[in-house]
C-alpha atoms as a PDB file:
ATOM      1  CA  MET A   1     119.091-119.472 126.766  1.00  0.00           C
ATOM      2  CA  LYS A   2     118.761-122.134 129.403  1.00  0.00           C
ATOM      3  CA  LYS A   3     115.513-123.858 130.196  1.00  0.00           C
ATOM      4  CA  GLU A   4     113.802-122.489 133.288  1.00  0.00           C
ATOM      5  CA  ILE A   5     110.911-123.610 135.500  1.00  0.00           C
ATOM      6  CA  ASN A   6     109.114-121.362 137.987  1.00  0.00           C
ATOM      7  CA  PHE A   7     106.566-122.724 140.440  1.00  0.00           C
ATOM      8  CA  CYS A   8     105.313-122.407 143.993  1.00  0.00           C
ATOM      9  CA  CYS A   9     106.161-124.916 146.712  1.00  0.00           C
ATOM     10  CA  LEU A  10     103.278-127.359 147.082  1.00  0.00           C
ATOM     11  CA  SER A  11     103.493-127.029 150.905  1.00  0.00           C
ATOM     12  CA  CYS A  12     104.114-123.382 151.774  1.00  0.00           C
ATOM     13  CA  GLY A  13     103.549-121.532 148.486  1.00  0.00           C
ATOM     14  CA  GLN A  14     107.061-120.025 148.337  1.00  0.00           C
ATOM     15  CA  GLY A  15     108.245-119.282 144.786  1.00  0.00           C
ATOM     16  CA  ILE A  16     110.950-121.613 143.454  1.00  0.00           C
ATOM     17  CA  GLU A  17     113.028-121.215 140.307  1.00  0.00           C
ATOM     18  CA  LEU A  18     114.817-124.146 138.667  1.00  0.00           C
ATOM     19  CA  ILE A  19     117.379-123.577 135.919  1.00  0.00           C
ATOM     20  CA  GLU A  20     118.883-126.229 133.672  1.00  0.00           C
ATOM     21  CA  PRO A  21     120.583-128.638 134.427  1.00  0.00           C
ATOM     22  CA  PHE A  22     117.824-130.049 136.613  1.00  0.00           C
ATOM     23  CA  ALA A  23     118.569-132.235 139.628  1.00  0.00           C
ATOM     24  CA  PRO A  24     116.345-135.202 140.605  1.00  0.00           C
ATOM     25  CA  GLN A  25     115.509-133.627 144.004  1.00  0.00           C
ATOM     26  CA  TYR A  26     114.990-130.095 145.258  1.00  0.00           C
ATOM     27  CA  SER A  27     114.100-128.573 148.595  1.00  0.00           C
ATOM     28  CA  CYS A  28     112.124-125.454 149.336  1.00  0.00           C
ATOM     29  CA  HIS A  29     114.220-122.631 150.803  1.00  0.00           C
ATOM     30  CA  SER A  30     111.369-121.589 153.078  1.00  0.00           C
ATOM     31  CA  CYS A  31     109.902-124.781 154.565  1.00  0.00           C
ATOM     32  CA  GLN A  32     112.830-127.127 153.726  1.00  0.00           C
ATOM     33  CA  LYS A  33     110.454-129.733 152.278  1.00  0.00           C
ATOM     34  CA  THR A  34     112.227-131.975 149.765  1.00  0.00           C
ATOM     35  CA  PHE A  35     110.439-133.084 146.629  1.00  0.00           C
ATOM     36  CA  SER A  36     111.451-135.199 143.676  1.00  0.00           C
ATOM     37  CA  PHE A  37     111.646-133.754 140.205  1.00  0.00           C
ATOM     38  CA  ASN A  38     110.987-135.822 137.103  1.00  0.00           C
ATOM     39  CA  GLY A  39     113.263-134.209 134.516  1.00  0.00           C
ATOM     40  CA  GLU A  40     112.937-137.103 132.077  1.00  0.00           C
ATOM     41  CA  ALA A  41     109.296-136.277 131.326  1.00  0.00           C
ATOM     42  CA  LEU A  42     110.209-132.809 130.090  1.00  0.00           C
ATOM     43  CA  ASP A  43     110.813-133.855 126.481  1.00  0.00           C
ATOM     44  CA  LEU A  44     108.040-132.084 124.574  1.00  0.00           C
ATOM     45  CA  LEU A  45     106.437-131.494 127.981  1.00  0.00           C
ATOM     46  CA  SER A  46     104.600-134.801 128.083  1.00  0.00           C
ATOM     47  CA  GLN A  47     104.367-134.577 131.877  1.00  0.00           C
ATOM     48  CA  CYS A  48     104.942-131.853 134.459  1.00  0.00           C
ATOM     49  CA  GLY A  49     108.179-132.416 136.343  1.00  0.00           C
ATOM     50  CA  ILE A  50     106.642-131.058 139.554  1.00  0.00           C
ATOM     51  CA  CYS A  51     103.130-132.509 139.898  1.00  0.00           C
ATOM     52  CA  GLN A  52     103.233-135.153 137.117  1.00  0.00           C
ATOM     53  CA  GLY A  53     100.208-133.535 135.452  1.00  0.00           C
ATOM     54  CA  ASN A  54      99.952-133.876 131.696  1.00  0.00           C
ATOM     55  CA  GLU A  55      97.746-130.919 130.759  1.00  0.00           C
ATOM     56  CA  PHE A  56      99.316-127.586 129.827  1.00  0.00           C
ATOM     57  CA  TYR A  57      98.356-124.306 128.200  1.00  0.00           C
ATOM     58  CA  LEU A  58     100.241-121.599 126.330  1.00  0.00           C
ATOM     59  CA  GLN A  59     100.504-117.974 127.312  1.00  0.00           C
ATOM     60  CA  LYS A  60     102.646-115.056 126.160  1.00  0.00           C
ATOM     61  CA  ASP A  61     105.528-114.274 128.514  1.00  0.00           C
ATOM     62  CA  PHE A  62     104.435-110.648 128.733  1.00  0.00           C
ATOM     63  CA  ASN A  63     105.221-108.524 131.754  1.00  0.00           C
ATOM     64  CA  ARG A  64     101.812-107.181 132.776  1.00  0.00           C
ATOM     65  CA  SER A  65     103.391-104.470 134.905  1.00  0.00           C
ATOM     66  CA  LEU A  66     105.201-103.146 131.838  1.00  0.00           C
ATOM     67  CA  GLY A  67     101.952-103.129 129.848  1.00  0.00           C
ATOM     68  CA  LEU A  68     100.163-101.285 132.643  1.00  0.00           C
ATOM     69  CA  PHE A  69     103.056 -98.801 132.881  1.00  0.00           C
ATOM     70  CA  VAL A  70     102.774 -98.006 129.151  1.00  0.00           C
ATOM     71  CA  VAL A  71      99.033 -97.344 129.460  1.00  0.00           C
ATOM     72  CA  VAL A  72      99.329 -95.233 132.643  1.00  0.00           C
ATOM     73  CA  LEU A  73     102.243 -93.241 131.231  1.00  0.00           C
ATOM     74  CA  SER A  74     100.333 -92.473 128.036  1.00  0.00           C
ATOM     75  CA  GLY A  75      97.322 -91.330 130.065  1.00  0.00           C
ATOM     76  CA  LEU A  76      99.527 -89.112 132.224  1.00  0.00           C
ATOM     77  CA  ILE A  77     101.241 -87.564 129.198  1.00  0.00           C
ATOM     78  CA  SER A  78      97.863 -86.999 127.569  1.00  0.00           C
ATOM     79  CA  PHE A  79      96.518 -85.331 130.732  1.00  0.00           C
ATOM     80  CA  ILE A  80      99.583 -83.055 130.992  1.00  0.00           C
ATOM     81  CA  LEU A  81      99.268 -82.024 127.324  1.00  0.00           C
ATOM     82  CA  PHE A  82      95.572 -81.285 127.877  1.00  0.00           C
ATOM     83  CA  ALA A  83      96.309 -79.237 131.003  1.00  0.00           C
ATOM     84  CA  LEU A  84      98.951 -77.235 129.148  1.00  0.00           C
ATOM     85  CA  ASP A  85      96.310 -76.346 126.532  1.00  0.00           C
ATOM     86  CA  PHE A  86      97.941 -78.066 123.563  1.00  0.00           C
ATOM     87  CA  PRO A  87      95.824 -78.612 120.428  1.00  0.00           C
ATOM     88  CA  PRO A  88      93.562 -81.710 120.658  1.00  0.00           C
ATOM     89  CA  LEU A  89      95.706 -83.712 118.237  1.00  0.00           C
ATOM     90  CA  TYR A  90      98.620 -83.634 120.664  1.00  0.00           C
ATOM     91  CA  PHE A  91      96.803 -84.975 123.717  1.00  0.00           C
ATOM     92  CA  PHE A  92      95.149 -87.779 121.732  1.00  0.00           C
ATOM     93  CA  LEU A  93      98.457 -88.863 120.218  1.00  0.00           C
ATOM     94  CA  PRO A  94      99.781 -90.684 123.361  1.00  0.00           C
ATOM     95  CA  LEU A  95      96.466 -92.543 123.608  1.00  0.00           C
ATOM     96  CA  VAL A  96      96.956 -93.817 120.050  1.00  0.00           C
ATOM     97  CA  VAL A  97     100.669 -94.617 120.426  1.00  0.00           C
ATOM     98  CA  ALA A  98     100.224 -96.601 123.690  1.00  0.00           C
ATOM     99  CA  PRO A  99      98.158 -99.484 122.239  1.00  0.00           C
ATOM    100  CA  ILE A 100     100.499 -99.679 119.236  1.00  0.00           C
ATOM    101  CA  LEU A 101     103.564 -99.880 121.508  1.00  0.00           C
ATOM    102  CA  ASP A 102     101.792-102.353 123.788  1.00  0.00           C
ATOM    103  CA  SER A 103     100.896-104.649 120.875  1.00  0.00           C
ATOM    104  CA  LEU A 104     104.463-104.486 119.491  1.00  0.00           C
ATOM    105  CA  LEU A 105     105.859-105.494 122.885  1.00  0.00           C
ATOM    106  CA  TYR A 106     103.301-108.312 123.057  1.00  0.00           C
ATOM    107  CA  ARG A 107     104.241-109.614 119.597  1.00  0.00           C
ATOM    108  CA  ILE A 108     107.942-109.921 120.356  1.00  0.00           C
ATOM    109  CA  CYS A 109     107.397-111.803 123.633  1.00  0.00           C
ATOM    110  CA  PRO A 110     107.873-115.589 123.467  1.00  0.00           C
ATOM    111  CA  PHE A 111     105.333-118.173 124.580  1.00  0.00           C
ATOM    112  CA  ILE A 112     105.579-119.987 127.899  1.00  0.00           C
ATOM    113  CA  THR A 113     103.920-123.261 128.832  1.00  0.00           C
ATOM    114  CA  ILE A 114     101.983-123.489 132.098  1.00  0.00           C
ATOM    115  CA  CYS A 115     100.787-126.600 133.916  1.00  0.00           C
ATOM    116  CA  TYR A 116      97.064-126.521 134.741  1.00  0.00           C
ATOM    117  CA  ARG A 117      97.494-128.429 138.026  1.00  0.00           C
ATOM    118  CA  CYS A 118     100.426-126.751 139.802  1.00  0.00           C
ATOM    119  CA  GLU A 119     100.696-123.630 137.620  1.00  0.00           C
ATOM    120  CA  GLY A 120     104.392-124.343 137.002  1.00  0.00           C
ATOM    121  CA  ILE A 121     105.814-122.069 134.299  1.00  0.00           C
ATOM    122  CA  TYR A 122     108.112-123.626 131.695  1.00  0.00           C
ATOM    123  CA  ARG A 123     110.360-121.291 129.672  1.00  0.00           C
ATOM    124  CA  GLN A 124     112.473-122.229 126.630  1.00  0.00           C
ATOM    125  CA  PHE A 125     110.988-125.737 126.382  1.00  0.00           C
ATOM    126  CA  GLN A 126     109.994-127.375 123.132  1.00  0.00           C
ATOM    127  CA  MET A 127     106.207-127.508 123.077  1.00  0.00           C
ATOM    128  CA  ARG A 128     103.863-130.199 121.844  1.00  0.00           C
ATOM    129  CA  GLU A 129     101.723-129.034 118.953  1.00  0.00           C
ATOM    130  CA  SER A 130      98.590-130.102 120.819  1.00  0.00           C
ATOM    131  CA  ILE A 131      99.098-127.500 123.583  1.00  0.00           C
ATOM    132  CA  GLU A 132      96.699-124.594 123.122  1.00  0.00           C
ATOM    133  CA  GLY A 133      95.714-121.460 125.012  1.00  0.00           C
ATOM    134  CA  PHE A 134      94.015-121.432 128.412  1.00  0.00           C
ATOM    135  CA  ASP A 135      90.738-123.343 128.636  1.00  0.00           C
ATOM    136  CA  LEU A 136      88.484-122.512 131.579  1.00  0.00           C
ATOM    137  CA  ALA A 137      86.656-125.860 131.385  1.00  0.00           C
ATOM    138  CA  THR A 138      89.930-127.817 131.697  1.00  0.00           C
ATOM    139  CA  SER A 139      91.093-125.618 134.559  1.00  0.00           C
ATOM    140  CA  SER A 140      87.782-126.043 136.422  1.00  0.00           C
ATOM    141  CA  ARG A 141      87.770-129.810 135.867  1.00  0.00           C
ATOM    142  CA  LEU A 142      91.283-130.189 137.304  1.00  0.00           C
ATOM    143  CA  LYS A 143      90.520-127.959 140.296  1.00  0.00           C
ATOM    144  CA  ILE A 144      87.492-130.119 141.139  1.00  0.00           C
ATOM    145  CA  GLN A 145      89.641-133.276 140.885  1.00  0.00           C
ATOM    146  CA  ARG A 146      92.229-131.804 143.309  1.00  0.00           C
ATOM    147  CA  LYS A 147      89.644-131.295 146.080  1.00  0.00           C
END
C-alpha cells in the first residue's frame, strides 16, 4: 500500500488527501492557497510535512461509523427477537456477539500516526518507537502555544 496523508487546509479547513509520491508543493482545491510540503522529514516521522510539528500520537485506524453500526444493529436485532417473544437467551445473544465482533474488527485495524498540531493523519508510515497514544496534556500545551 502507498503512504497516505490526510489533513485539513490550514486556511479554509477543506479536507486534503496526499498519496505517495509527494510533491514539494500543493494547493487547496477550495481556496487555492499553495503551501509547501516537507517530504524529507517523513522518515520515521521526525517532523510533520504540513506544519513542521514534531509531536505525534498513535491511534487505531478504526471506522467509528462501522463500530456504531455493529452496536445499533445488535440492539435492533435484540429488540426484534424480544418483540417476537423468543426465549431470553436469543435476545441477549446479539448483545454478547456485538462487543466480540467490535473488538475483533478493532484488533485487525492498523495504527495511524496523527500530528498534535495540525491533526494530519499519516497512514502506512514507519513510526518512531517513542510515539505513544494520545496525551491530553501534550494536546492542551500545543493548543495554548498556537494561540
